Amino acid sequence: MSNPGYDWLATDAEVADVASHLGISLAPGDAREITESFSRIFVLGGDGEQRVLKIRARWMTEGRIGFEHALARHLRDHGLPIVAPLEIEGGSTRARVGDLYCEIARYVDGRKAEQSLADVRRMGELLGRFHACVRSFDADLYEPPHFRNQVEPRELEQEAAQLAHPLRERWQELVDCYDRQQVSSLPRIMRHGDFHPWNMLFSQDEPSRIAALLDLDMAAWGPRIYDVSYTIFFLRNLHPECNADGWNTRYRQFIEGYAEMSGMPIRDDEAAAVPLLMECIAFGFVAQAQAEDAERHLANYTALVEWLESCGPELTVMLRG
């Protein structure tokens, strides 16, 4: 085992306590750890049926975990490829050991998204299915996430104040644009919050099928166009060598798949907000970056701004259908 060093994560001693409480062996050969920043995750078992143990960050509350588990069951019951948690104690899908909550789910062996139009299309369809499905979810079960993602630019005031002058000035421009375009008033939905190519697994046996959608940790109410913008932002990382025509083709596949399965075509005011939101997402990574990642996030932000200057209007037109 190896604690990545974040103070909100379980220590190795605490992980051992959880394993002992659940009667699980984390000895070499019985388990392997998948390093995460907000949980400690272990794949349990060998060649037989495998399970995943997830030990949550210590700030997590029972209400938030209960919401995520209820949402996972709702999505699974409506046919989405969600890995819902299993019952582990007294019929509950979560256990508390000390100040840490943990859960167990089945392990899905799948491949990551690839550079193909078919994979991009499937991603759009899955996000569309997700947005269509959450419209019938019981909103009374909701508890907000306990860390920020897909934030509004105004929420970055403290971080932006620490940046160099040109970036501080650009932050204020983003705030003004966000308010002027009334992004907060665009159609709202329970968004996934972290929908991107690396949070899903494609079937090893059926290449056109997504076997699992992962990570509901950041699911939250907000403008649904933020999920769309977030995915498009990360599609650029999946296809870094594409020219403008290549981007257009892939985005069109994603958006057409999304519109078909969601039943909610993108409105003109939502389409107009996508370039702004993509820049806000990139800016957020810069503003909140750890020192060792600052240069990389700034380079990504600069490259995105340059791309939006040349391709942003074309992207907006394409989004409008």
Protein backbone atom coordinates (compact mmCIF):
# COMPACT_ATOMS: atom_id res chain seq x y z
CA MET A 1 0.00 0.00 0.00
CA SER A 2 1.10 3.57 -0.56
CA ASN A 3 -0.71 6.64 0.76
CA PRO A 4 -0.37 9.41 -1.86
CA GLY A 5 0.06 11.92 0.99
CA TYR A 6 -3.22 13.88 1.01
CA ASP A 7 -4.43 14.54 4.55
CA TRP A 8 -8.03 13.73 3.61
CA LEU A 9 -7.14 10.18 2.55
CA ALA A 10 -6.98 7.12 4.78
CA THR A 11 -3.53 6.28 6.10
CA ASP A 12 -2.13 2.79 5.60
CA ALA A 13 -3.02 1.99 9.22
CA GLU A 14 -6.61 3.15 8.67
CA VAL A 15 -6.84 1.11 5.46
CA ALA A 16 -5.73 -1.93 7.46
CA ASP A 17 -8.48 -1.22 10.02
CA VAL A 18 -11.11 -1.05 7.26
CA ALA A 19 -9.89 -4.31 5.75
CA SER A 20 -9.93 -6.03 9.15
CA HIS A 21 -13.46 -4.74 9.86
CA LEU A 22 -14.71 -6.12 6.54
CA GLY A 23 -12.72 -9.35 6.70
CA ILE A 24 -10.76 -8.45 3.54
CA SER A 25 -7.16 -9.34 2.78
CA LEU A 26 -5.04 -6.59 1.24
CA ALA A 27 -1.91 -8.74 1.16
CA PRO A 28 0.14 -8.72 -2.06
CA GLY A 29 -1.58 -10.98 -4.55
CA ASP A 30 -4.96 -10.50 -2.88
CA ALA A 31 -5.38 -6.84 -3.79
CA ARG A 32 -3.84 -4.02 -5.80
CA GLU A 33 -4.31 -0.32 -5.22
CA ILE A 34 -5.49 2.12 -7.86
CA THR A 35 -4.21 5.53 -6.82
CA GLU A 36 -6.89 8.23 -6.68
CA SER A 37 -6.87 11.76 -5.28
CA PHE A 38 -10.22 11.70 -3.44
CA SER A 39 -10.46 8.03 -2.38
CA ARG A 40 -8.25 5.02 -1.87
CA ILE A 41 -9.37 2.25 -4.18
CA PHE A 42 -8.33 -1.41 -4.17
CA VAL A 43 -9.10 -4.18 -6.65
CA LEU A 44 -9.76 -7.35 -4.65
CA GLY A 45 -9.39 -10.94 -5.80
CA GLY A 46 -7.33 -12.81 -8.34
CA ASP A 47 -8.47 -14.72 -11.39
CA GLY A 48 -12.04 -15.22 -10.18
CA GLU A 49 -14.78 -12.67 -9.70
CA GLN A 50 -13.18 -9.43 -8.59
CA ARG A 51 -14.47 -6.61 -6.40
CA VAL A 52 -13.45 -3.01 -5.78
CA LEU A 53 -13.05 -1.54 -2.28
CA LYS A 54 -13.38 2.24 -2.14
CA ILE A 55 -12.39 4.10 1.03
CA ARG A 56 -13.76 7.61 0.85
CA ALA A 57 -12.07 10.89 1.75
CA ARG A 58 -12.56 11.70 5.43
CA TRP A 59 -14.70 14.76 4.66
CA MET A 60 -17.46 12.61 3.13
CA THR A 61 -20.81 12.48 4.92
CA GLU A 62 -23.32 9.67 5.07
CA GLY A 63 -25.88 11.92 3.37
CA ARG A 64 -23.67 12.57 0.36
CA ILE A 65 -22.73 8.91 0.00
CA GLY A 66 -26.37 7.91 0.39
CA PHE A 67 -27.29 10.31 -2.42
CA GLU A 68 -24.59 8.92 -4.74
CA HIS A 69 -25.66 5.34 -4.05
CA ALA A 70 -29.33 6.19 -4.65
CA LEU A 71 -28.42 7.92 -7.91
CA ALA A 72 -26.33 4.90 -8.99
CA ARG A 73 -29.26 2.54 -8.31
CA HIS A 74 -31.63 4.85 -10.21
CA LEU A 75 -29.33 4.92 -13.24
CA ARG A 76 -28.73 1.16 -13.12
CA ASP A 77 -32.45 0.46 -12.87
CA HIS A 78 -32.97 2.54 -16.03
CA GLY A 79 -30.41 0.54 -17.97
CA LEU A 80 -27.34 2.76 -17.72
CA PRO A 81 -23.98 0.96 -17.32
CA ILE A 82 -23.39 2.13 -13.75
CA VAL A 83 -21.45 0.06 -11.24
CA ALA A 84 -23.78 0.32 -8.23
CA PRO A 85 -22.37 -0.50 -4.76
CA LEU A 86 -23.07 -3.88 -3.19
CA GLU A 87 -24.62 -4.58 0.20
CA ILE A 88 -21.87 -5.14 2.75
CA GLU A 89 -23.27 -4.67 6.28
CA GLY A 90 -26.81 -5.26 7.49
CA GLY A 91 -28.25 -4.56 4.06
CA SER A 92 -26.39 -1.23 3.78
CA THR A 93 -24.18 -0.34 0.82
CA ARG A 94 -21.70 1.51 3.02
CA ALA A 95 -19.84 0.92 6.26
CA ARG A 96 -18.17 3.36 8.61
CA VAL A 97 -14.86 2.54 10.27
CA GLY A 98 -13.63 5.36 12.49
CA ASP A 99 -14.26 8.57 10.54
CA LEU A 100 -14.05 6.85 7.14
CA TYR A 101 -16.82 5.46 4.96
CA CYS A 102 -16.17 2.58 2.61
CA GLU A 103 -18.08 0.61 -0.01
CA ILE A 104 -17.61 -2.38 -2.30
CA ALA A 105 -18.65 -2.76 -5.95
CA ARG A 106 -18.07 -5.32 -8.65
CA TYR A 107 -14.99 -4.91 -10.83
CA VAL A 108 -15.45 -4.15 -14.53
CA ASP A 109 -12.64 -5.12 -16.88
CA GLY A 110 -12.86 -2.79 -19.85
CA ARG A 111 -10.79 -0.68 -22.17
CA LYS A 112 -10.32 3.07 -22.14
CA ALA A 113 -11.78 5.31 -24.85
CA GLU A 114 -9.85 5.33 -28.12
CA GLN A 115 -9.39 7.76 -30.98
CA SER A 116 -12.37 6.64 -33.01
CA LEU A 117 -15.55 8.33 -34.15
CA ALA A 118 -17.54 5.35 -32.82
CA ASP A 119 -16.20 5.85 -29.29
CA VAL A 120 -16.94 9.58 -29.41
CA ARG A 121 -20.47 8.88 -30.63
CA ARG A 122 -21.05 6.39 -27.78
CA MET A 123 -19.89 9.01 -25.27
CA GLY A 124 -22.43 11.51 -26.56
CA GLU A 125 -25.18 8.90 -26.44
CA LEU A 126 -24.30 7.92 -22.88
CA LEU A 127 -24.31 11.51 -21.62
CA GLY A 128 -27.65 11.99 -23.35
CA ARG A 129 -29.05 8.89 -21.63
CA PHE A 130 -27.69 10.13 -18.31
CA HIS A 131 -29.37 13.53 -18.65
CA ALA A 132 -32.64 11.96 -19.78
CA CYS A 133 -32.62 9.54 -16.86
CA VAL A 134 -31.83 11.99 -14.05
CA ARG A 135 -34.93 14.03 -14.84
CA SER A 136 -36.94 11.40 -12.93
CA PHE A 137 -34.55 11.15 -9.98
CA ASP A 138 -35.87 12.15 -6.54
CA ALA A 139 -34.36 15.58 -5.89
CA ASP A 140 -35.05 15.31 -2.15
CA LEU A 141 -32.20 12.81 -1.88
CA TYR A 142 -29.63 15.35 -3.07
CA GLU A 143 -26.70 16.53 -0.98
CA PRO A 144 -24.06 18.75 -2.65
CA PRO A 145 -20.53 17.44 -3.22
CA HIS A 146 -17.91 18.42 -0.69
CA PHE A 147 -15.32 19.72 -3.16
CA ARG A 148 -15.52 21.97 -6.16
CA ASN A 149 -15.70 20.96 -9.79
CA GLN A 150 -17.13 22.76 -12.81
CA VAL A 151 -17.09 25.92 -10.73
CA GLU A 152 -18.43 29.30 -11.74
CA PRO A 153 -15.54 31.73 -12.36
CA ARG A 154 -16.69 33.98 -9.49
CA GLU A 155 -15.95 31.12 -7.07
CA LEU A 156 -12.26 31.34 -8.02
CA GLU A 157 -11.75 34.84 -6.61
CA GLN A 158 -9.32 33.76 -3.90
CA GLU A 159 -7.21 31.64 -6.27
CA ALA A 160 -7.31 34.23 -9.07
CA ALA A 161 -5.97 36.90 -6.70
CA GLN A 162 -2.73 34.88 -6.41
CA LEU A 163 -2.13 34.75 -10.18
CA ALA A 164 0.02 37.07 -12.30
CA HIS A 165 -1.62 40.27 -13.53
CA PRO A 166 -2.68 39.20 -17.06
CA LEU A 167 -4.46 36.15 -15.65
CA ARG A 168 -6.11 38.17 -12.83
CA GLU A 169 -7.42 40.56 -15.46
CA ARG A 170 -8.70 37.70 -17.62
CA TRP A 171 -10.46 36.20 -14.59
CA GLN A 172 -12.51 39.38 -14.21
CA GLU A 173 -13.36 39.29 -17.92
CA LEU A 174 -14.55 35.68 -17.55
CA VAL A 175 -16.74 36.67 -14.59
CA ASP A 176 -18.26 39.51 -16.62
CA CYS A 177 -18.88 37.26 -19.65
CA TYR A 178 -20.40 34.55 -17.45
CA ASP A 179 -22.82 37.05 -15.93
CA ARG A 180 -23.60 38.76 -19.23
CA GLN A 181 -24.45 35.44 -20.90
CA GLN A 182 -26.52 34.43 -17.84
CA VAL A 183 -24.94 30.98 -17.79
CA SER A 184 -26.34 30.25 -14.32
CA SER A 185 -29.87 30.63 -15.73
CA LEU A 186 -29.44 28.11 -18.55
CA PRO A 187 -31.42 24.83 -18.31
CA ARG A 188 -30.37 22.98 -15.17
CA ILE A 189 -30.17 19.28 -14.49
CA MET A 190 -28.44 16.79 -12.23
CA ARG A 191 -25.15 16.75 -14.11
CA HIS A 192 -22.52 14.04 -13.83
CA GLY A 193 -19.89 16.64 -13.03
CA ASP A 194 -16.86 14.71 -14.28
CA PHE A 195 -17.99 13.17 -17.58
CA HIS A 196 -14.90 12.62 -19.72
CA PRO A 197 -13.27 9.82 -21.77
CA TRP A 198 -11.31 8.40 -18.82
CA ASN A 199 -14.33 8.00 -16.57
CA MET A 200 -15.84 5.20 -18.61
CA LEU A 201 -14.84 1.73 -19.72
CA PHE A 202 -15.69 0.21 -23.08
CA SER A 203 -16.51 -3.48 -23.39
CA GLN A 204 -13.62 -5.75 -24.29
CA ASP A 205 -15.97 -8.06 -26.22
CA GLU A 206 -18.41 -5.59 -27.81
CA PRO A 207 -16.36 -2.65 -29.13
CA SER A 208 -19.34 -0.36 -29.61
CA ARG A 209 -20.69 -0.73 -26.05
CA ILE A 210 -19.70 1.25 -22.96
CA ALA A 211 -19.48 -1.27 -20.12
CA ALA A 212 -19.27 1.14 -17.20
CA LEU A 213 -19.68 4.82 -16.40
CA LEU A 214 -17.57 5.67 -13.37
CA ASP A 215 -17.37 8.25 -10.63
CA LEU A 216 -20.49 10.05 -9.38
CA ASP A 217 -18.40 11.91 -6.79
CA MET A 218 -19.04 15.28 -8.45
CA ALA A 219 -22.68 14.86 -9.48
CA ALA A 220 -24.48 18.14 -8.75
CA TRP A 221 -27.27 20.42 -9.89
CA GLY A 222 -26.21 22.93 -12.50
CA PRO A 223 -26.50 24.01 -16.13
CA ARG A 224 -26.52 20.83 -18.23
CA ILE A 225 -24.40 22.54 -20.89
CA TYR A 226 -21.52 22.39 -18.40
CA ASP A 227 -21.40 18.58 -18.73
CA VAL A 228 -21.38 18.96 -22.53
CA SER A 229 -18.62 21.61 -22.43
CA TYR A 230 -16.55 19.57 -19.97
CA THR A 231 -16.62 16.52 -22.22
CA ILE A 232 -15.71 18.51 -25.33
CA PHE A 233 -12.84 20.08 -23.36
CA PHE A 234 -11.42 16.64 -22.60
CA LEU A 235 -12.04 15.30 -26.10
CA ARG A 236 -9.29 17.68 -27.20
CA ASN A 237 -6.90 15.71 -24.95
CA LEU A 238 -8.07 12.42 -26.43
CA HIS A 239 -7.36 13.65 -29.97
CA PRO A 240 -4.45 16.10 -29.59
CA GLU A 241 -3.22 15.79 -33.16
CA CYS A 242 -6.50 16.64 -34.93
CA ASN A 243 -6.81 19.73 -37.08
CA ALA A 244 -9.93 21.93 -37.07
CA ASP A 245 -11.79 19.64 -39.48
CA GLY A 246 -11.03 16.67 -37.26
CA TRP A 247 -12.35 18.45 -34.20
CA ASN A 248 -15.51 19.41 -36.03
CA THR A 249 -16.17 15.83 -37.12
CA ARG A 250 -15.67 14.44 -33.63
CA TYR A 251 -17.68 17.12 -31.87
CA ARG A 252 -20.50 16.62 -34.35
CA GLN A 253 -20.56 12.89 -33.59
CA PHE A 254 -20.63 13.61 -29.86
CA ILE A 255 -23.38 16.25 -30.09
CA GLU A 256 -25.55 14.25 -32.50
CA GLY A 257 -25.34 11.23 -30.19
CA TYR A 258 -26.15 13.41 -27.19
CA ALA A 259 -29.16 15.11 -28.80
CA GLU A 260 -30.57 11.80 -30.04
CA MET A 261 -30.48 10.08 -26.64
CA SER A 262 -31.29 13.04 -24.38
CA GLY A 263 -34.29 14.26 -26.34
CA MET A 264 -33.06 17.77 -25.48
CA PRO A 265 -31.40 19.52 -28.44
CA ILE A 266 -28.90 22.19 -27.46
CA ARG A 267 -30.41 25.67 -27.43
CA ASP A 268 -28.77 28.66 -29.11
CA ASP A 269 -27.94 30.34 -25.79
CA GLU A 270 -26.38 27.09 -24.53
CA ALA A 271 -24.29 26.70 -27.69
CA ALA A 272 -23.05 30.27 -27.32
CA ALA A 273 -21.87 29.48 -23.78
CA VAL A 274 -19.72 26.46 -24.68
CA PRO A 275 -16.49 28.30 -25.71
CA LEU A 276 -16.74 30.44 -22.57
CA LEU A 277 -17.27 27.40 -20.36
CA MET A 278 -14.37 25.55 -21.96
CA GLU A 279 -12.10 28.48 -21.11
CA CYS A 280 -13.54 28.66 -17.58
CA ILE A 281 -12.74 24.96 -17.11
CA ALA A 282 -9.16 25.42 -18.30
CA PHE A 283 -8.77 28.56 -16.18
CA GLY A 284 -10.03 26.67 -13.14
CA PHE A 285 -7.29 24.07 -13.56
CA VAL A 286 -4.70 26.88 -13.70
CA ALA A 287 -6.09 28.72 -10.68
CA GLN A 288 -6.31 25.59 -8.51
CA ALA A 289 -3.15 23.83 -9.71
CA GLN A 290 -0.57 22.46 -7.34
CA ALA A 291 2.90 23.91 -7.87
CA GLU A 292 4.19 20.84 -9.69
CA ASP A 293 1.31 21.00 -12.20
CA ALA A 294 1.10 24.76 -12.69
CA GLU A 295 3.24 24.99 -15.83
CA ARG A 296 1.39 22.14 -17.56
CA HIS A 297 -2.06 23.58 -16.83
CA LEU A 298 -0.97 27.04 -17.97
CA ALA A 299 0.34 25.61 -21.25
CA ASN A 300 -2.95 23.74 -21.76
CA TYR A 301 -4.92 26.90 -21.02
CA THR A 302 -2.88 28.97 -23.48
CA ALA A 303 -3.29 26.34 -26.22
CA LEU A 304 -7.05 26.20 -25.63
CA VAL A 305 -7.44 29.98 -25.82
CA GLU A 306 -5.55 30.03 -29.12
CA TRP A 307 -7.75 27.21 -30.46
CA LEU A 308 -10.95 28.95 -29.38
CA GLU A 309 -9.89 32.14 -31.13
CA SER A 310 -9.78 30.32 -34.46
CA CYS A 311 -12.34 27.54 -34.01
CA GLY A 312 -14.72 28.75 -31.30
CA PRO A 313 -17.22 30.43 -33.68
CA GLU A 314 -17.26 27.33 -35.90
CA LEU A 315 -17.84 25.14 -32.85
CA THR A 316 -20.78 27.27 -31.74
CA VAL A 317 -22.39 27.04 -35.19
CA MET A 318 -21.95 23.26 -35.21
CA LEU A 319 -23.51 22.94 -31.74
CA ARG A 320 -26.60 24.75 -32.95
CA GLY A 321 -27.11 22.04 -35.55
